[in-house]
N, C-alpha and C. Protein backbone atom coordinates (compact mmCIF):
# COMPACT_ATOMS: atom_id res chain seq x y z
N GLN A 1 0.99 -1.34 0.03
CA GLN A 1 0.11 -0.06 0.27
C GLN A 1 1.30 1.10 0.21
N VAL A 2 0.35 2.37 -0.31
CA VAL A 2 1.11 3.40 -0.39
C VAL A 2 1.56 3.77 0.47
N GLN A 3 2.70 4.56 1.25
CA GLN A 3 3.14 5.04 2.54
C GLN A 3 3.96 6.22 2.03
N LEU A 4 4.06 7.31 2.75
CA LEU A 4 4.66 8.67 2.77
C LEU A 4 4.79 8.52 4.10
N VAL A 5 6.02 8.87 4.30
CA VAL A 5 6.91 9.10 5.73
C VAL A 5 7.25 10.22 5.79
N GLU A 6 6.85 11.12 6.51
CA GLU A 6 7.84 12.55 6.62
C GLU A 6 8.54 12.55 7.75
N SER A 7 10.12 13.48 7.69
CA SER A 7 10.78 13.71 8.39
C SER A 7 11.33 15.07 8.47
N GLY A 8 12.41 15.74 9.46
CA GLY A 8 12.90 16.51 9.27
C GLY A 8 12.77 17.97 10.05
N GLY A 9 10.98 17.87 10.30
CA GLY A 9 10.61 19.07 11.40
C GLY A 9 11.22 19.02 12.46
N GLY A 10 10.99 20.51 12.98
CA GLY A 10 11.71 20.75 14.33
C GLY A 10 11.26 22.20 14.46
N LEU A 11 12.06 23.11 15.69
CA LEU A 11 11.97 24.21 15.75
C LEU A 11 13.25 24.78 15.19
N VAL A 12 12.91 25.99 14.69
CA VAL A 12 14.50 26.77 14.38
C VAL A 12 13.73 28.23 14.72
N GLN A 13 15.05 29.21 14.65
CA GLN A 13 14.49 30.44 14.43
C GLN A 13 14.48 31.06 13.23
N PRO A 14 13.78 32.31 13.48
CA PRO A 14 13.64 32.88 12.21
C PRO A 14 14.76 32.87 11.30
N GLY A 15 14.90 32.91 10.21
CA GLY A 15 16.42 32.71 9.12
C GLY A 15 17.12 31.97 9.10
N GLY A 16 16.57 30.77 9.98
CA GLY A 16 17.08 29.10 9.99
C GLY A 16 16.76 28.84 8.63
N SER A 17 17.15 27.26 8.81
CA SER A 17 16.87 26.74 7.47
C SER A 17 16.91 25.02 8.10
N LEU A 18 15.49 24.32 7.61
CA LEU A 18 15.49 22.90 7.64
C LEU A 18 15.19 22.09 5.99
N ARG A 19 15.60 20.88 6.38
CA ARG A 19 15.02 20.16 5.16
C ARG A 19 14.62 18.80 5.80
N LEU A 20 13.18 18.88 5.04
CA LEU A 20 11.94 17.78 5.17
C LEU A 20 12.33 17.04 4.25
N SER A 21 12.27 15.57 4.91
CA SER A 21 12.20 14.65 3.56
C SER A 21 11.05 13.52 3.78
N CYS A 22 10.25 13.13 2.85
CA CYS A 22 9.20 12.23 2.32
C CYS A 22 9.97 10.81 1.76
N ALA A 23 10.25 9.92 2.55
CA ALA A 23 10.12 8.46 2.17
C ALA A 23 8.97 7.49 1.33
N ALA A 24 8.89 7.46 0.15
CA ALA A 24 7.72 6.98 -0.38
C ALA A 24 7.87 5.72 -0.89
N SER A 25 6.76 4.94 -0.52
CA SER A 25 6.60 3.42 -1.14
C SER A 25 5.37 3.03 -1.12
N GLY A 26 5.40 1.89 -1.90
CA GLY A 26 3.92 1.15 -2.41
C GLY A 26 3.57 1.42 -3.86
N PHE A 27 4.20 2.28 -4.85
CA PHE A 27 3.66 3.00 -5.81
C PHE A 27 5.19 3.19 -7.00
N THR A 28 5.18 3.17 -8.00
CA THR A 28 5.88 3.52 -9.03
C THR A 28 6.10 5.00 -8.57
N PHE A 29 7.08 5.40 -7.77
CA PHE A 29 7.66 6.58 -7.21
C PHE A 29 7.90 7.22 -8.78
N SER A 30 8.50 7.20 -9.90
CA SER A 30 9.05 7.84 -10.90
C SER A 30 7.96 7.97 -11.77
N SER A 31 6.88 7.77 -11.37
CA SER A 31 5.51 7.74 -12.56
C SER A 31 4.54 9.05 -11.85
N TYR A 32 5.03 9.54 -10.70
CA TYR A 32 4.00 10.44 -10.37
C TYR A 32 4.33 11.71 -9.62
N PRO A 33 3.56 13.12 -9.83
CA PRO A 33 4.28 14.20 -9.37
C PRO A 33 4.08 14.30 -8.00
N MET A 34 5.08 14.68 -7.23
CA MET A 34 4.94 14.56 -5.85
C MET A 34 4.87 15.93 -5.18
N SER A 35 3.98 16.35 -4.12
CA SER A 35 4.06 17.55 -3.65
C SER A 35 4.19 17.47 -1.85
N TRP A 36 4.41 18.98 -1.49
CA TRP A 36 4.39 19.27 -0.33
C TRP A 36 3.39 20.18 -0.11
N TYR A 37 2.63 19.63 1.17
CA TYR A 37 1.41 21.28 1.57
C TYR A 37 1.54 21.44 3.23
N ARG A 38 1.03 22.49 3.63
CA ARG A 38 1.16 22.71 4.89
C ARG A 38 -0.06 23.11 5.27
N GLN A 39 -0.22 22.50 6.55
CA GLN A 39 -1.37 23.46 7.36
C GLN A 39 -1.14 24.14 8.94
N ALA A 40 -1.22 25.21 9.03
CA ALA A 40 -1.34 26.10 10.38
C ALA A 40 -2.86 26.08 10.86
N PRO A 41 -2.40 26.11 12.28
CA PRO A 41 -3.44 26.16 13.26
C PRO A 41 -4.47 27.13 12.72
N GLY A 42 -5.54 26.64 12.81
CA GLY A 42 -6.69 27.77 12.58
C GLY A 42 -7.23 27.77 10.83
N LYS A 43 -6.14 27.30 9.95
CA LYS A 43 -6.12 27.50 8.52
C LYS A 43 -6.26 26.39 7.40
N GLU A 44 -6.63 26.41 6.69
CA GLU A 44 -6.76 25.36 5.52
C GLU A 44 -5.50 24.97 5.09
N ARG A 45 -5.72 23.45 4.79
CA ARG A 45 -4.06 22.95 4.29
C ARG A 45 -3.70 23.60 2.84
N GLU A 46 -2.58 24.02 2.35
CA GLU A 46 -2.02 24.81 1.57
C GLU A 46 -0.94 24.50 0.79
N LEU A 47 -1.29 24.51 -0.55
CA LEU A 47 0.22 23.74 -1.48
C LEU A 47 1.05 24.45 -1.33
N VAL A 48 2.43 24.20 -1.06
CA VAL A 48 3.54 24.76 -1.13
C VAL A 48 4.48 24.90 -2.15
N ALA A 49 4.58 23.30 -2.57
CA ALA A 49 5.27 23.23 -3.66
C ALA A 49 5.11 21.84 -4.45
N ALA A 50 5.40 21.43 -5.92
CA ALA A 50 4.85 20.60 -6.01
C ALA A 50 6.09 20.15 -7.26
N ILE A 51 6.50 19.09 -7.83
CA ILE A 51 7.58 18.60 -8.61
C ILE A 51 7.23 17.23 -9.38
N SER A 52 7.21 17.83 -11.21
CA SER A 52 6.66 17.03 -11.93
C SER A 52 7.50 15.88 -12.07
N THR A 53 7.42 14.55 -12.85
CA THR A 53 8.01 13.78 -13.35
C THR A 53 7.58 13.49 -14.70
N PRO A 54 8.46 12.70 -15.64
CA PRO A 54 10.05 13.27 -15.57
C PRO A 54 10.07 14.70 -15.84
N GLY A 55 11.53 15.15 -15.82
CA GLY A 55 11.80 16.43 -15.83
C GLY A 55 11.89 17.16 -14.69
N GLY A 56 11.38 16.79 -13.66
CA GLY A 56 11.51 17.97 -12.68
C GLY A 56 10.90 18.92 -12.59
N ARG A 57 10.17 19.56 -13.53
CA ARG A 57 9.45 20.68 -13.11
C ARG A 57 8.67 21.07 -11.90
N THR A 58 9.34 22.28 -11.43
CA THR A 58 8.84 22.80 -9.93
C THR A 58 7.66 23.85 -10.01
N ASN A 59 6.84 23.53 -9.39
CA ASN A 59 6.23 25.17 -8.86
C ASN A 59 5.63 25.15 -7.43
N TYR A 60 5.70 26.52 -7.37
CA TYR A 60 5.76 27.47 -5.56
C TYR A 60 4.67 27.89 -5.46
N ALA A 61 4.26 28.09 -4.00
CA ALA A 61 3.40 29.05 -3.30
C ALA A 61 4.29 30.28 -3.72
N ASP A 62 3.25 31.36 -3.86
CA ASP A 62 3.83 32.69 -3.84
C ASP A 62 4.81 32.76 -2.92
N SER A 63 4.51 32.64 -1.66
CA SER A 63 4.40 33.12 -0.02
C SER A 63 6.19 32.02 0.02
N VAL A 64 6.27 31.21 -0.67
CA VAL A 64 7.86 30.77 -0.52
C VAL A 64 8.76 30.85 -1.42
N LYS A 65 8.30 31.48 -2.70
CA LYS A 65 9.07 31.58 -3.58
C LYS A 65 10.47 32.16 -3.65
N GLY A 66 11.64 31.70 -3.65
CA GLY A 66 13.01 32.07 -3.48
C GLY A 66 13.40 32.03 -2.19
N ARG A 67 12.66 30.92 -1.32
CA ARG A 67 13.03 30.03 -0.29
C ARG A 67 13.00 28.72 -0.27
N PHE A 68 12.07 28.44 -0.23
CA PHE A 68 12.00 26.94 -0.72
C PHE A 68 12.39 26.10 -1.90
N THR A 69 12.77 25.33 -1.73
CA THR A 69 13.62 24.10 -3.17
C THR A 69 12.73 22.80 -2.66
N ILE A 70 12.03 22.35 -3.60
CA ILE A 70 12.03 20.92 -3.80
C ILE A 70 12.19 20.52 -4.54
N SER A 71 12.81 18.89 -4.60
CA SER A 71 13.48 18.03 -4.82
C SER A 71 13.24 16.53 -4.74
N ARG A 72 13.94 15.85 -5.91
CA ARG A 72 13.52 14.24 -5.64
C ARG A 72 14.59 13.69 -5.92
N ASP A 73 14.62 12.36 -5.24
CA ASP A 73 15.91 11.39 -5.33
C ASP A 73 14.98 10.24 -5.92
N TYR A 74 15.10 9.73 -7.03
CA TYR A 74 14.82 8.53 -7.61
C TYR A 74 15.30 7.02 -6.96
N ALA A 75 16.42 7.37 -7.07
CA ALA A 75 17.07 6.19 -6.22
C ALA A 75 16.55 5.92 -4.70
N LYS A 76 16.60 6.64 -4.26
CA LYS A 76 15.81 6.59 -2.90
C LYS A 76 14.38 6.55 -2.88
N ASN A 77 13.80 7.14 -3.86
CA ASN A 77 12.32 7.27 -3.72
C ASN A 77 11.94 8.26 -2.68
N THR A 78 12.58 9.14 -2.67
CA THR A 78 12.52 10.23 -1.43
C THR A 78 12.29 11.62 -2.29
N VAL A 79 11.24 12.73 -1.47
CA VAL A 79 11.11 13.70 -2.06
C VAL A 79 11.35 14.90 -0.52
N TYR A 80 12.39 16.01 -0.75
CA TYR A 80 12.99 16.79 -0.10
C TYR A 80 12.28 18.19 -0.25
N LEU A 81 12.51 19.00 0.89
CA LEU A 81 12.17 20.25 0.89
C LEU A 81 12.77 20.91 1.26
N GLN A 82 13.59 21.94 1.24
CA GLN A 82 14.77 22.44 1.39
C GLN A 82 14.22 23.69 2.02
N MET A 83 14.22 24.41 2.90
CA MET A 83 13.56 25.63 3.83
C MET A 83 14.72 26.72 4.28
N ASN A 84 14.68 27.51 3.63
CA ASN A 84 15.95 28.66 3.77
C ASN A 84 15.28 29.90 4.64
N SER A 85 15.85 30.73 4.90
CA SER A 85 15.26 32.02 5.46
C SER A 85 13.65 32.07 6.14
N LEU A 86 13.46 31.13 7.02
CA LEU A 86 12.36 30.59 7.60
C LEU A 86 11.70 31.60 8.50
N LYS A 87 10.65 31.82 8.50
CA LYS A 87 9.83 32.87 9.20
C LYS A 87 8.73 32.37 9.88
N PRO A 88 8.45 33.15 11.09
CA PRO A 88 7.10 32.70 11.83
C PRO A 88 6.37 32.00 11.19
N GLU A 89 5.38 32.82 9.98
CA GLU A 89 4.40 32.44 9.47
C GLU A 89 4.81 31.15 8.63
N ASP A 90 6.15 30.65 8.60
CA ASP A 90 5.94 29.02 7.67
C ASP A 90 5.80 28.18 8.82
N THR A 91 5.88 28.72 10.15
CA THR A 91 5.20 27.40 11.18
C THR A 91 3.88 27.03 10.63
N ALA A 92 3.83 25.40 10.47
CA ALA A 92 2.67 24.41 10.20
C ALA A 92 2.95 23.03 10.86
N VAL A 93 2.30 22.41 10.26
CA VAL A 93 2.62 20.97 10.00
C VAL A 93 2.53 20.80 8.32
N TYR A 94 3.89 20.24 8.03
CA TYR A 94 3.85 19.67 6.42
C TYR A 94 3.85 18.16 6.14
N TYR A 95 2.89 18.36 5.16
CA TYR A 95 2.54 16.97 4.85
C TYR A 95 2.97 16.86 3.20
N CYS A 96 3.51 15.43 3.02
CA CYS A 96 3.84 15.17 1.72
C CYS A 96 2.56 14.35 1.04
N ASN A 97 2.78 14.69 -0.22
CA ASN A 97 1.34 13.93 -0.97
C ASN A 97 1.73 13.64 -2.18
N VAL A 98 0.97 12.42 -2.87
CA VAL A 98 0.96 12.08 -4.20
C VAL A 98 -0.89 11.82 -4.23
N LYS A 99 -0.82 12.03 -5.55
CA LYS A 99 -2.51 11.54 -6.16
C LYS A 99 -2.47 10.64 -7.14
N ARG A 100 -3.11 9.63 -6.89
CA ARG A 100 -2.89 8.41 -7.86
C ARG A 100 -4.58 7.84 -7.85
N TYR A 101 -5.01 8.06 -9.40
CA TYR A 101 -6.11 7.60 -9.90
C TYR A 101 -7.19 8.68 -9.09
N SER A 102 -6.90 9.82 -8.90
CA SER A 102 -7.67 10.80 -8.38
C SER A 102 -7.99 10.81 -6.97
N TYR A 103 -7.31 9.91 -6.20
CA TYR A 103 -7.13 9.92 -4.77
C TYR A 103 -5.72 10.32 -3.90
N ASP A 104 -6.21 11.23 -3.21
CA ASP A 104 -4.95 12.24 -2.26
C ASP A 104 -4.74 10.97 -1.41
N TYR A 105 -2.82 10.92 -1.17
CA TYR A 105 -2.45 9.89 -0.20
C TYR A 105 -1.64 10.74 0.47
N TRP A 106 -1.58 10.90 1.70
CA TRP A 106 -0.74 11.81 3.06
C TRP A 106 -0.06 10.97 3.79
N GLY A 107 1.15 11.57 4.16
CA GLY A 107 1.95 11.46 5.14
C GLY A 107 1.14 11.77 6.30
N GLN A 108 2.16 11.54 7.41
CA GLN A 108 1.25 11.69 9.27
C GLN A 108 2.02 13.41 9.38
N GLY A 109 2.86 13.78 8.36
CA GLY A 109 2.78 15.30 8.95
C GLY A 109 4.12 15.26 9.76
N THR A 110 4.87 16.42 9.35
CA THR A 110 5.99 16.74 10.28
C THR A 110 5.87 18.75 10.78
N GLN A 111 5.86 18.20 12.14
CA GLN A 111 5.91 19.97 12.55
C GLN A 111 7.00 20.47 12.72
N VAL A 112 6.72 21.68 11.84
CA VAL A 112 7.79 22.72 11.68
C VAL A 112 7.41 24.01 12.75
N THR A 113 8.25 24.48 13.58
CA THR A 113 7.59 25.59 14.17
C THR A 113 9.19 26.94 14.16
N VAL A 114 8.97 27.65 13.46
CA VAL A 114 9.83 29.09 13.42
C VAL A 114 9.31 30.33 14.51
N SER A 115 10.46 30.31 15.38
CA SER A 115 10.42 30.96 16.81
C SER A 115 11.77 30.87 17.05
N SER A 116 11.52 32.54 18.06
CA SER A 116 12.80 33.13 18.73
C SER A 116 12.77 32.38 20.07
């Protein structure tokens, strides 16, 4: 079955960096676009970044452009989110996502807290 396991979250000061990882299994990783979403308390889940396949074309939410980078490693079946210049408003639970046959699969999420 499809499994998405996120890791790499934590507490970081404003201006700091984190790299999130999402290990994928149970499907042909190379065949599907992958995405990162986030959900802050009291807010709806929002798309942060997505990466296509093949070719690795990326797109980002306006709020993270120039600060976040999504990438994927086909050998490790893993998608990453490098987050730089973090701001308090980036605080949220971050989720990995894959859509297969019109069904959304989610990981358990990893908490990112940006605070001094």
